[in-house]
Amino acid sequence: MTKKDIVLKVSDETNLKQIDVKKVVQRTFDCIIEALVRGERIELRNFGVFKIKQRKSRTGRNPRTNQVIPVPPRKVVIFKAGLEMKQKIK
């Protein structure tokens, strides 16, 4: 499912214009990204939690040459599904 699919479905179910729904959906995603950039945790009840996790530096290996390569520390986005989502997916 793409963002466009979400916009079309919400537009059909709410009888709102697609352009208005698209603006709301995009702004929602923008707010989530902005909060993650600030290091905040986003909790959407019954959906899940987005948060930033710091990965430590480590030693990697090039599979072709078998050469050892240092991998620098980095931040990654983690998503943990909420209870209601987990139950519906089962």
C-alpha atoms as a PDB file:
ATOM      1  CA  MET A   1       0.000   0.000   0.000  1.00  0.00           C
ATOM      2  CA  THR A   2       1.364   3.408  -0.938  1.00  0.00           C
ATOM      3  CA  LYS A   3       0.645   6.882   0.386  1.00  0.00           C
ATOM      4  CA  LYS A   4      -1.585   7.441  -2.647  1.00  0.00           C
ATOM      5  CA  ASP A   5      -3.586   4.303  -1.798  1.00  0.00           C
ATOM      6  CA  ILE A   6      -4.108   5.625   1.740  1.00  0.00           C
ATOM      7  CA  VAL A   7      -5.246   9.004   0.404  1.00  0.00           C
ATOM      8  CA  LEU A   8      -7.699   7.373  -2.023  1.00  0.00           C
ATOM      9  CA  LYS A   9      -9.159   5.080   0.651  1.00  0.00           C
ATOM     10  CA  VAL A  10      -9.599   7.860   3.218  1.00  0.00           C
ATOM     11  CA  SER A  11     -11.042  10.164   0.568  1.00  0.00           C
ATOM     12  CA  ASP A  12     -13.582   7.534  -0.514  1.00  0.00           C
ATOM     13  CA  GLU A  13     -14.609   6.681   3.046  1.00  0.00           C
ATOM     14  CA  THR A  14     -14.933  10.283   4.266  1.00  0.00           C
ATOM     15  CA  ASN A  15     -16.180  12.028   1.103  1.00  0.00           C
ATOM     16  CA  LEU A  16     -13.373  14.580   1.410  1.00  0.00           C
ATOM     17  CA  LYS A  17     -11.399  15.865  -1.552  1.00  0.00           C
ATOM     18  CA  GLN A  18      -8.267  13.887  -2.342  1.00  0.00           C
ATOM     19  CA  ILE A  19      -6.126  17.030  -2.312  1.00  0.00           C
ATOM     20  CA  ASP A  20      -7.255  17.866   1.234  1.00  0.00           C
ATOM     21  CA  VAL A  21      -6.653  14.315   2.467  1.00  0.00           C
ATOM     22  CA  LYS A  22      -3.234  14.295   0.788  1.00  0.00           C
ATOM     23  CA  LYS A  23      -2.253  17.480   2.631  1.00  0.00           C
ATOM     24  CA  VAL A  24      -3.322  16.024   5.983  1.00  0.00           C
ATOM     25  CA  VAL A  25      -1.556  12.707   5.404  1.00  0.00           C
ATOM     26  CA  GLN A  26       1.647  14.431   4.251  1.00  0.00           C
ATOM     27  CA  ARG A  27       1.591  16.849   7.187  1.00  0.00           C
ATOM     28  CA  THR A  28       1.110  13.911   9.573  1.00  0.00           C
ATOM     29  CA  PHE A  29       4.186  12.194   8.148  1.00  0.00           C
ATOM     30  CA  ASP A  30       6.129  15.476   8.296  1.00  0.00           C
ATOM     31  CA  CYS A  31       5.246  15.903  11.986  1.00  0.00           C
ATOM     32  CA  ILE A  32       6.426  12.365  12.746  1.00  0.00           C
ATOM     33  CA  ILE A  33       9.726  12.955  10.930  1.00  0.00           C
ATOM     34  CA  GLU A  34      10.275  16.319  12.645  1.00  0.00           C
ATOM     35  CA  ALA A  35       9.701  14.744  16.065  1.00  0.00           C
ATOM     36  CA  LEU A  36      12.126  11.909  15.296  1.00  0.00           C
ATOM     37  CA  VAL A  37      14.765  14.415  14.168  1.00  0.00           C
ATOM     38  CA  ARG A  38      14.396  16.133  17.552  1.00  0.00           C
ATOM     39  CA  GLY A  39      14.938  12.746  19.221  1.00  0.00           C
ATOM     40  CA  GLU A  40      11.370  12.439  20.488  1.00  0.00           C
ATOM     41  CA  ARG A  41       9.428   9.200  20.866  1.00  0.00           C
ATOM     42  CA  ILE A  42       6.137   9.007  18.949  1.00  0.00           C
ATOM     43  CA  GLU A  43       3.432   6.865  20.506  1.00  0.00           C
ATOM     44  CA  LEU A  44       0.266   6.259  18.502  1.00  0.00           C
ATOM     45  CA  ARG A  45      -2.169   4.363  20.731  1.00  0.00           C
ATOM     46  CA  ASN A  46      -3.251   0.971  19.370  1.00  0.00           C
ATOM     47  CA  PHE A  47      -0.854   1.425  16.430  1.00  0.00           C
ATOM     48  CA  GLY A  48       2.686   1.492  17.717  1.00  0.00           C
ATOM     49  CA  VAL A  49       5.743   3.455  18.789  1.00  0.00           C
ATOM     50  CA  PHE A  50       8.449   5.084  16.666  1.00  0.00           C
ATOM     51  CA  LYS A  51      11.753   5.994  18.286  1.00  0.00           C
ATOM     52  CA  ILE A  52      15.383   6.625  17.417  1.00  0.00           C
ATOM     53  CA  LYS A  53      18.014   4.135  18.535  1.00  0.00           C
ATOM     54  CA  GLN A  54      21.754   4.755  18.491  1.00  0.00           C
ATOM     55  CA  ARG A  55      23.715   1.863  16.984  1.00  0.00           C
ATOM     56  CA  LYS A  56      27.262   1.425  18.265  1.00  0.00           C
ATOM     57  CA  SER A  57      30.253   1.358  15.980  1.00  0.00           C
ATOM     58  CA  ARG A  58      31.347  -2.119  15.009  1.00  0.00           C
ATOM     59  CA  THR A  59      33.682  -4.027  12.771  1.00  0.00           C
ATOM     60  CA  GLY A  60      32.209  -5.257   9.515  1.00  0.00           C
ATOM     61  CA  ARG A  61      33.594  -7.469   6.787  1.00  0.00           C
ATOM     62  CA  ASN A  62      33.431  -7.118   3.005  1.00  0.00           C
ATOM     63  CA  PRO A  63      32.011 -10.476   1.828  1.00  0.00           C
ATOM     64  CA  ARG A  64      33.838 -10.329  -1.522  1.00  0.00           C
ATOM     65  CA  THR A  65      37.319  -9.467  -0.313  1.00  0.00           C
ATOM     66  CA  ASN A  66      36.985 -10.597   3.308  1.00  0.00           C
ATOM     67  CA  GLN A  67      38.518  -7.238   4.258  1.00  0.00           C
ATOM     68  CA  VAL A  68      37.728  -5.842   7.732  1.00  0.00           C
ATOM     69  CA  ILE A  69      35.884  -2.512   7.565  1.00  0.00           C
ATOM     70  CA  PRO A  70      35.007  -0.235  10.489  1.00  0.00           C
ATOM     71  CA  VAL A  71      31.293   0.645  10.566  1.00  0.00           C
ATOM     72  CA  PRO A  72      30.677   4.015  12.267  1.00  0.00           C
ATOM     73  CA  PRO A  73      27.929   4.573  14.853  1.00  0.00           C
ATOM     74  CA  ARG A  74      24.577   5.689  13.448  1.00  0.00           C
ATOM     75  CA  LYS A  75      21.003   6.420  14.364  1.00  0.00           C
ATOM     76  CA  VAL A  76      18.149   4.234  13.126  1.00  0.00           C
ATOM     77  CA  VAL A  77      14.372   4.468  13.391  1.00  0.00           C
ATOM     78  CA  ILE A  78      12.765   1.633  15.340  1.00  0.00           C
ATOM     79  CA  PHE A  79       9.049   0.771  15.164  1.00  0.00           C
ATOM     80  CA  LYS A  80       7.327  -1.432  17.714  1.00  0.00           C
ATOM     81  CA  ALA A  81       3.765  -2.461  16.893  1.00  0.00           C
ATOM     82  CA  GLY A  82       1.042  -1.756  19.431  1.00  0.00           C
ATOM     83  CA  LEU A  83      -1.020  -4.422  21.155  1.00  0.00           C
ATOM     84  CA  GLU A  84      -4.147  -3.921  19.044  1.00  0.00           C
ATOM     85  CA  MET A  85      -2.142  -4.113  15.797  1.00  0.00           C
ATOM     86  CA  LYS A  86      -0.415  -7.296  16.954  1.00  0.00           C
ATOM     87  CA  GLN A  87      -3.759  -8.897  17.808  1.00  0.00           C
ATOM     88  CA  LYS A  88      -5.345  -7.988  14.459  1.00  0.00           C
ATOM     89  CA  ILE A  89      -2.386  -9.283  12.470  1.00  0.00           C
ATOM     90  CA  LYS A  90      -2.414 -12.704  14.178  1.00  0.00           C
END
